[in-house]
Each structure stands twice: as structure tokens, then as C-alpha cells.
């Protein structure tokens, strides 16, 4: 599942970056869209047992087997 797992993690990273950018721009509409995308990306990751922070330099070192 390596390639799929990494693509899911990348989607989470991109969504987190979009949330931060929308906050920095003080754009409530963009923030709502970015938060929805982040929620979806995290739901998908959890649904298939992927730790979204593993391998991304985040603090998550554990997680489901991939």
C-alpha cells in the first residue's frame, strides 16, 4: 500500500497547508473549503488505517501496518 499511503499523506499535508494559508489570508470562505478537504482527507486516512503523520516529519511514529 506504499504508493497509495503516501498519496493519502500528501493529500493531508496539502489540505493542512491550505488551512494555514486561508487562516493567514483571513479568508473565511477559503478556510471553510480547506477545512472540509482536511476533514475528508483525514477520514479517508483513518478509514484505510493510514497514519497521516507517519513518514512526513510529523510526530506520529506509530500507526497501522502498511
PDB file of N, CA and C in Angstrom:
ATOM      1  N   UNK A   1       0.823  -1.188   0.000  1.00  0.00           N
ATOM      2  CA  UNK A   1       0.000   0.000   0.000  1.00  0.00           C
ATOM      3  C   UNK A   1       0.871   1.257   0.000  1.00  0.00           C
ATOM      4  N   UNK A   2       2.161   1.145  -0.171  1.00  0.00           N
ATOM      5  CA  UNK A   2       3.086   2.259  -0.042  1.00  0.00           C
ATOM      6  C   UNK A   2       2.751   3.484  -0.873  1.00  0.00           C
ATOM      7  N   UNK A   3       2.520   3.317  -2.176  1.00  0.00           N
ATOM      8  CA  UNK A   3       2.210   4.461  -3.029  1.00  0.00           C
ATOM      9  C   UNK A   3       0.891   5.109  -2.670  1.00  0.00           C
ATOM     10  N   UNK A   4      -0.099   4.286  -2.391  1.00  0.00           N
ATOM     11  CA  UNK A   4      -1.407   4.807  -2.000  1.00  0.00           C
ATOM     12  C   UNK A   4      -1.303   5.542  -0.674  1.00  0.00           C
ATOM     13  N   UNK A   5      -0.606   4.937   0.280  1.00  0.00           N
ATOM     14  CA  UNK A   5      -0.452   5.560   1.597  1.00  0.00           C
ATOM     15  C   UNK A   5       0.224   6.919   1.468  1.00  0.00           C
ATOM     16  N   UNK A   6       1.253   7.000   0.664  1.00  0.00           N
ATOM     17  CA  UNK A   6       1.951   8.271   0.504  1.00  0.00           C
ATOM     18  C   UNK A   6       1.058   9.303  -0.178  1.00  0.00           C
ATOM     19  N   UNK A   7       0.232   8.888  -1.129  1.00  0.00           N
ATOM     20  CA  UNK A   7      -0.663   9.849  -1.779  1.00  0.00           C
ATOM     21  C   UNK A   7      -1.718  10.363  -0.801  1.00  0.00           C
ATOM     22  N   UNK A   8      -2.185   9.498   0.094  1.00  0.00           N
ATOM     23  CA  UNK A   8      -3.134   9.939   1.123  1.00  0.00           C
ATOM     24  C   UNK A   8      -2.450  10.927   2.060  1.00  0.00           C
ATOM     25  N   UNK A   9      -1.226  10.614   2.465  1.00  0.00           N
ATOM     26  CA  UNK A   9      -0.486  11.537   3.338  1.00  0.00           C
ATOM     27  C   UNK A   9      -0.248  12.882   2.649  1.00  0.00           C
ATOM     28  N   UNK A  10       0.060  12.851   1.379  1.00  0.00           N
ATOM     29  CA  UNK A  10       0.283  14.093   0.636  1.00  0.00           C
ATOM     30  C   UNK A  10      -1.001  14.917   0.577  1.00  0.00           C
ATOM     31  N   UNK A  11      -2.135  14.246   0.404  1.00  0.00           N
ATOM     32  CA  UNK A  11      -3.419  14.961   0.399  1.00  0.00           C
ATOM     33  C   UNK A  11      -3.649  15.644   1.751  1.00  0.00           C
ATOM     34  N   UNK A  12      -3.333  14.954   2.834  1.00  0.00           N
ATOM     35  CA  UNK A  12      -3.483  15.543   4.171  1.00  0.00           C
ATOM     36  C   UNK A  12      -2.536  16.737   4.322  1.00  0.00           C
ATOM     37  N   UNK A  13      -1.282  16.576   3.905  1.00  0.00           N
ATOM     38  CA  UNK A  13      -0.315  17.688   4.007  1.00  0.00           C
ATOM     39  C   UNK A  13      -0.791  18.904   3.213  1.00  0.00           C
ATOM     40  N   UNK A  14      -1.275  18.675   2.002  1.00  0.00           N
ATOM     41  CA  UNK A  14      -1.747  19.779   1.163  1.00  0.00           C
ATOM     42  C   UNK A  14      -2.958  20.460   1.789  1.00  0.00           C
ATOM     43  N   UNK A  15      -3.848  19.669   2.351  1.00  0.00           N
ATOM     44  CA  UNK A  15      -5.035  20.240   2.991  1.00  0.00           C
ATOM     45  C   UNK A  15      -4.649  21.056   4.219  1.00  0.00           C
ATOM     46  N   UNK A  16      -3.705  20.556   4.994  1.00  0.00           N
ATOM     47  CA  UNK A  16      -3.244  21.318   6.166  1.00  0.00           C
ATOM     48  C   UNK A  16      -2.614  22.638   5.732  1.00  0.00           C
ATOM     49  N   UNK A  17      -1.838  22.607   4.663  1.00  0.00           N
ATOM     50  CA  UNK A  17      -1.215  23.830   4.156  1.00  0.00           C
ATOM     51  C   UNK A  17      -2.277  24.813   3.671  1.00  0.00           C
ATOM     52  N   UNK A  18      -3.322  24.307   3.040  1.00  0.00           N
ATOM     53  CA  UNK A  18      -4.405  25.168   2.563  1.00  0.00           C
ATOM     54  C   UNK A  18      -5.148  25.814   3.728  1.00  0.00           C
ATOM     55  N   UNK A  19      -5.340  25.063   4.809  1.00  0.00           N
ATOM     56  CA  UNK A  19      -5.983  25.625   6.004  1.00  0.00           C
ATOM     57  C   UNK A  19      -5.128  26.766   6.551  1.00  0.00           C
ATOM     58  N   UNK A  20      -3.836  26.538   6.665  1.00  0.00           N
ATOM     59  CA  UNK A  20      -2.944  27.580   7.186  1.00  0.00           C
ATOM     60  C   UNK A  20      -2.926  28.801   6.271  1.00  0.00           C
ATOM     61  N   UNK A  21      -2.908  28.588   4.964  1.00  0.00           N
ATOM     62  CA  UNK A  21      -2.898  29.708   4.021  1.00  0.00           C
ATOM     63  C   UNK A  21      -4.190  30.515   4.116  1.00  0.00           C
ATOM     64  N   UNK A  22      -5.308  29.833   4.242  1.00  0.00           N
ATOM     65  CA  UNK A  22      -6.596  30.528   4.358  1.00  0.00           C
ATOM     66  C   UNK A  22      -6.669  31.323   5.656  1.00  0.00           C
ATOM     67  N   UNK A  23      -6.136  30.743   6.728  1.00  0.00           N
ATOM     68  CA  UNK A  23      -6.101  31.481   8.003  1.00  0.00           C
ATOM     69  C   UNK A  23      -5.227  32.723   7.876  1.00  0.00           C
ATOM     70  N   UNK A  24      -4.061  32.560   7.269  1.00  0.00           N
ATOM     71  CA  UNK A  24      -3.137  33.682   7.114  1.00  0.00           C
ATOM     72  C   UNK A  24      -3.743  34.786   6.248  1.00  0.00           C
ATOM     73  N   UNK A  25      -4.544  34.390   5.267  1.00  0.00           N
ATOM     74  CA  UNK A  25      -5.181  35.358   4.378  1.00  0.00           C
ATOM     75  C   UNK A  25      -6.468  35.923   4.970  1.00  0.00           C
ATOM     76  N   UNK A  26      -6.864  35.408   6.131  1.00  0.00           N
ATOM     77  CA  UNK A  26      -8.110  35.828   6.785  1.00  0.00           C
ATOM     78  C   UNK A  26      -9.286  35.720   5.813  1.00  0.00           C
ATOM     79  N   UNK A  27      -9.366  34.546   5.160  1.00  0.00           N
ATOM     80  CA  UNK A  27     -10.389  34.288   4.143  1.00  0.00           C
ATOM     81  C   UNK A  27     -11.334  33.200   4.646  1.00  0.00           C
ATOM     82  N   UNK A  28     -12.484  33.593   5.203  1.00  0.00           N
ATOM     83  CA  UNK A  28     -13.384  32.595   5.793  1.00  0.00           C
ATOM     84  C   UNK A  28     -13.923  31.578   4.793  1.00  0.00           C
ATOM     85  N   UNK A  29     -14.175  32.001   3.561  1.00  0.00           N
ATOM     86  CA  UNK A  29     -14.697  31.064   2.563  1.00  0.00           C
ATOM     87  C   UNK A  29     -13.641  30.018   2.213  1.00  0.00           C
ATOM     88  N   UNK A  30     -12.426  30.468   1.963  1.00  0.00           N
ATOM     89  CA  UNK A  30     -11.345  29.534   1.653  1.00  0.00           C
ATOM     90  C   UNK A  30     -11.052  28.631   2.840  1.00  0.00           C
ATOM     91  N   UNK A  31     -11.161  29.167   4.044  1.00  0.00           N
ATOM     92  CA  UNK A  31     -10.927  28.367   5.238  1.00  0.00           C
ATOM     93  C   UNK A  31     -11.963  27.256   5.356  1.00  0.00           C
ATOM     94  N   UNK A  32     -13.216  27.565   5.085  1.00  0.00           N
ATOM     95  CA  UNK A  32     -14.267  26.546   5.158  1.00  0.00           C
ATOM     96  C   UNK A  32     -14.013  25.423   4.159  1.00  0.00           C
ATOM     97  N   UNK A  33     -13.628  25.787   2.939  1.00  0.00           N
ATOM     98  CA  UNK A  33     -13.337  24.780   1.913  1.00  0.00           C
ATOM     99  C   UNK A  33     -12.127  23.946   2.322  1.00  0.00           C
ATOM    100  N   UNK A  34     -11.076  24.607   2.797  1.00  0.00           N
ATOM    101  CA  UNK A  34      -9.855  23.903   3.189  1.00  0.00           C
ATOM    102  C   UNK A  34     -10.100  22.972   4.371  1.00  0.00           C
ATOM    103  N   UNK A  35     -10.893  23.416   5.336  1.00  0.00           N
ATOM    104  CA  UNK A  35     -11.196  22.554   6.480  1.00  0.00           C
ATOM    105  C   UNK A  35     -12.013  21.338   6.058  1.00  0.00           C
ATOM    106  N   UNK A  36     -12.940  21.525   5.118  1.00  0.00           N
ATOM    107  CA  UNK A  36     -13.706  20.380   4.604  1.00  0.00           C
ATOM    108  C   UNK A  36     -12.784  19.379   3.913  1.00  0.00           C
ATOM    109  N   UNK A  37     -11.841  19.883   3.121  1.00  0.00           N
ATOM    110  CA  UNK A  37     -10.893  18.999   2.441  1.00  0.00           C
ATOM    111  C   UNK A  37     -10.034  18.256   3.455  1.00  0.00           C
ATOM    112  N   UNK A  38      -9.582  18.959   4.488  1.00  0.00           N
ATOM    113  CA  UNK A  38      -8.778  18.312   5.518  1.00  0.00           C
ATOM    114  C   UNK A  38      -9.587  17.234   6.230  1.00  0.00           C
ATOM    115  N   UNK A  39     -10.827  17.538   6.570  1.00  0.00           N
ATOM    116  CA  UNK A  39     -11.691  16.534   7.207  1.00  0.00           C
ATOM    117  C   UNK A  39     -11.832  15.298   6.322  1.00  0.00           C
ATOM    118  N   UNK A  40     -12.064  15.513   5.023  1.00  0.00           N
ATOM    119  CA  UNK A  40     -12.201  14.384   4.094  1.00  0.00           C
ATOM    120  C   UNK A  40     -10.914  13.574   4.016  1.00  0.00           C
ATOM    121  N   UNK A  41      -9.789  14.262   3.899  1.00  0.00           N
ATOM    122  CA  UNK A  41      -8.507  13.570   3.785  1.00  0.00           C
ATOM    123  C   UNK A  41      -8.204  12.752   5.037  1.00  0.00           C
ATOM    124  N   UNK A  42      -8.476  13.317   6.205  1.00  0.00           N
ATOM    125  CA  UNK A  42      -8.234  12.586   7.455  1.00  0.00           C
ATOM    126  C   UNK A  42      -9.196  11.409   7.600  1.00  0.00           C
ATOM    127  N   UNK A  43     -10.441  11.588   7.174  1.00  0.00           N
ATOM    128  CA  UNK A  43     -11.419  10.494   7.235  1.00  0.00           C
ATOM    129  C   UNK A  43     -10.970   9.328   6.355  1.00  0.00           C
ATOM    130  N   UNK A  44     -10.497   9.640   5.172  1.00  0.00           N
ATOM    131  CA  UNK A  44     -10.011   8.593   4.267  1.00  0.00           C
ATOM    132  C   UNK A  44      -8.815   7.881   4.889  1.00  0.00           C
ATOM    133  N   UNK A  45      -7.870   8.645   5.408  1.00  0.00           N
ATOM    134  CA  UNK A  45      -6.676   8.046   6.018  1.00  0.00           C
ATOM    135  C   UNK A  45      -7.061   7.104   7.149  1.00  0.00           C
ATOM    136  N   UNK A  46      -7.918   7.573   8.029  1.00  0.00           N
ATOM    137  CA  UNK A  46      -8.338   6.723   9.154  1.00  0.00           C
ATOM    138  C   UNK A  46      -9.115   5.507   8.668  1.00  0.00           C
ATOM    139  N   UNK A  47      -9.928   5.702   7.652  1.00  0.00           N
ATOM    140  CA  UNK A  47     -10.763   4.619   7.141  1.00  0.00           C
ATOM    141  C   UNK A  47      -9.975   3.457   6.573  1.00  0.00           C
ATOM    142  N   UNK A  48      -8.786   3.748   6.067  1.00  0.00           N
ATOM    143  CA  UNK A  48      -7.959   2.680   5.498  1.00  0.00           C
ATOM    144  C   UNK A  48      -6.755   2.357   6.374  1.00  0.00           C
ATOM    145  N   UNK A  49      -6.737   2.924   7.587  1.00  0.00           N
ATOM    146  CA  UNK A  49      -5.691   2.575   8.545  1.00  0.00           C
ATOM    147  C   UNK A  49      -4.343   3.212   8.289  1.00  0.00           C
ATOM    148  N   UNK A  50      -4.336   4.397   7.691  1.00  0.00           N
ATOM    149  CA  UNK A  50      -3.083   5.098   7.417  1.00  0.00           C
ATOM    150  C   UNK A  50      -2.885   6.194   8.454  1.00  0.00           C
ATOM    151  N   UNK A  51      -1.702   6.230   9.061  1.00  0.00           N
ATOM    152  CA  UNK A  51      -1.330   7.322   9.957  1.00  0.00           C
ATOM    153  C   UNK A  51      -0.891   8.482   9.064  1.00  0.00           C
ATOM    154  N   UNK A  52      -1.649   9.573   9.029  1.00  0.00           N
ATOM    155  CA  UNK A  52      -1.319  10.650   8.099  1.00  0.00           C
ATOM    156  C   UNK A  52      -0.016  11.372   8.414  1.00  0.00           C
ATOM    157  N   UNK A  53       0.508  11.218   9.632  1.00  0.00           N
ATOM    158  CA  UNK A  53       1.745  11.898  10.008  1.00  0.00           C
ATOM    159  C   UNK A  53       2.987  11.035   9.853  1.00  0.00           C
ATOM    160  N   UNK A  54       2.819   9.756   9.679  1.00  0.00           N
ATOM    161  CA  UNK A  54       3.971   8.860   9.566  1.00  0.00           C
ATOM    162  C   UNK A  54       4.720   9.142   8.270  1.00  0.00           C
ATOM    163  N   UNK A  55       6.025   9.275   8.397  1.00  0.00           N
ATOM    164  CA  UNK A  55       6.850   9.480   7.217  1.00  0.00           C
ATOM    165  C   UNK A  55       6.816  10.889   6.668  1.00  0.00           C
ATOM    166  N   UNK A  56       6.162  11.812   7.385  1.00  0.00           N
ATOM    167  CA  UNK A  56       6.061  13.175   6.874  1.00  0.00           C
ATOM    168  C   UNK A  56       6.840  14.174   7.713  1.00  0.00           C
ATOM    169  N   UNK A  57       7.629  13.659   8.654  1.00  0.00           N
ATOM    170  CA  UNK A  57       8.345  14.549   9.542  1.00  0.00           C
ATOM    171  C   UNK A  57       7.495  14.980  10.717  1.00  0.00           C
ATOM    172  N   UNK A  58       6.284  14.422  10.799  1.00  0.00           N
ATOM    173  CA  UNK A  58       5.394  14.746  11.906  1.00  0.00           C
ATOM    174  C   UNK A  58       5.775  13.955  13.131  1.00  0.00           C
ATOM    175  N   UNK A  59       4.956  14.059  14.165  1.00  0.00           N
ATOM    176  CA  UNK A  59       5.264  13.384  15.414  1.00  0.00           C
ATOM    177  C   UNK A  59       4.782  11.949  15.432  1.00  0.00           C
ATOM    178  N   UNK A  60       3.928  11.581  14.491  1.00  0.00           N
ATOM    179  CA  UNK A  60       3.391  10.223  14.500  1.00  0.00           C
ATOM    180  C   UNK A  60       4.426   9.210  14.067  1.00  0.00           C
ATOM    181  N   UNK A  61       4.817   8.334  14.949  1.00  0.00           N
ATOM    182  CA  UNK A  61       5.799   7.311  14.612  1.00  0.00           C
ATOM    183  C   UNK A  61       5.178   5.927  14.586  1.00  0.00           C
ATOM    184  N   UNK A  62       4.019   5.796  15.161  1.00  0.00           N
ATOM    185  CA  UNK A  62       3.342   4.504  15.178  1.00  0.00           C
ATOM    186  C   UNK A  62       2.391   4.421  14.012  1.00  0.00           C
ATOM    187  N   UNK A  63       1.301   3.692  14.229  1.00  0.00           N
ATOM    188  CA  UNK A  63       0.284   3.615  13.196  1.00  0.00           C
ATOM    189  C   UNK A  63       0.083   2.207  12.725  1.00  0.00           C
ATOM    190  N   UNK A  64      -0.874   2.078  11.856  1.00  0.00           N
ATOM    191  CA  UNK A  64      -1.230   0.764  11.327  1.00  0.00           C
ATOM    192  C   UNK A  64      -0.159   0.268  10.370  1.00  0.00           C
ATOM    193  N   UNK A  65      -0.094  -1.020  10.234  1.00  0.00           N
ATOM    194  CA  UNK A  65       0.841  -1.622   9.282  1.00  0.00           C
ATOM    195  C   UNK A  65       0.431  -1.229   7.880  1.00  0.00           C
ATOM    196  N   UNK A  66       1.411  -0.972   7.057  1.00  0.00           N
ATOM    197  CA  UNK A  66       1.116  -0.591   5.680  1.00  0.00           C
ATOM    198  C   UNK A  66       1.886  -1.499   4.791  1.00  0.00           C
TER     199      UNK A  66
END
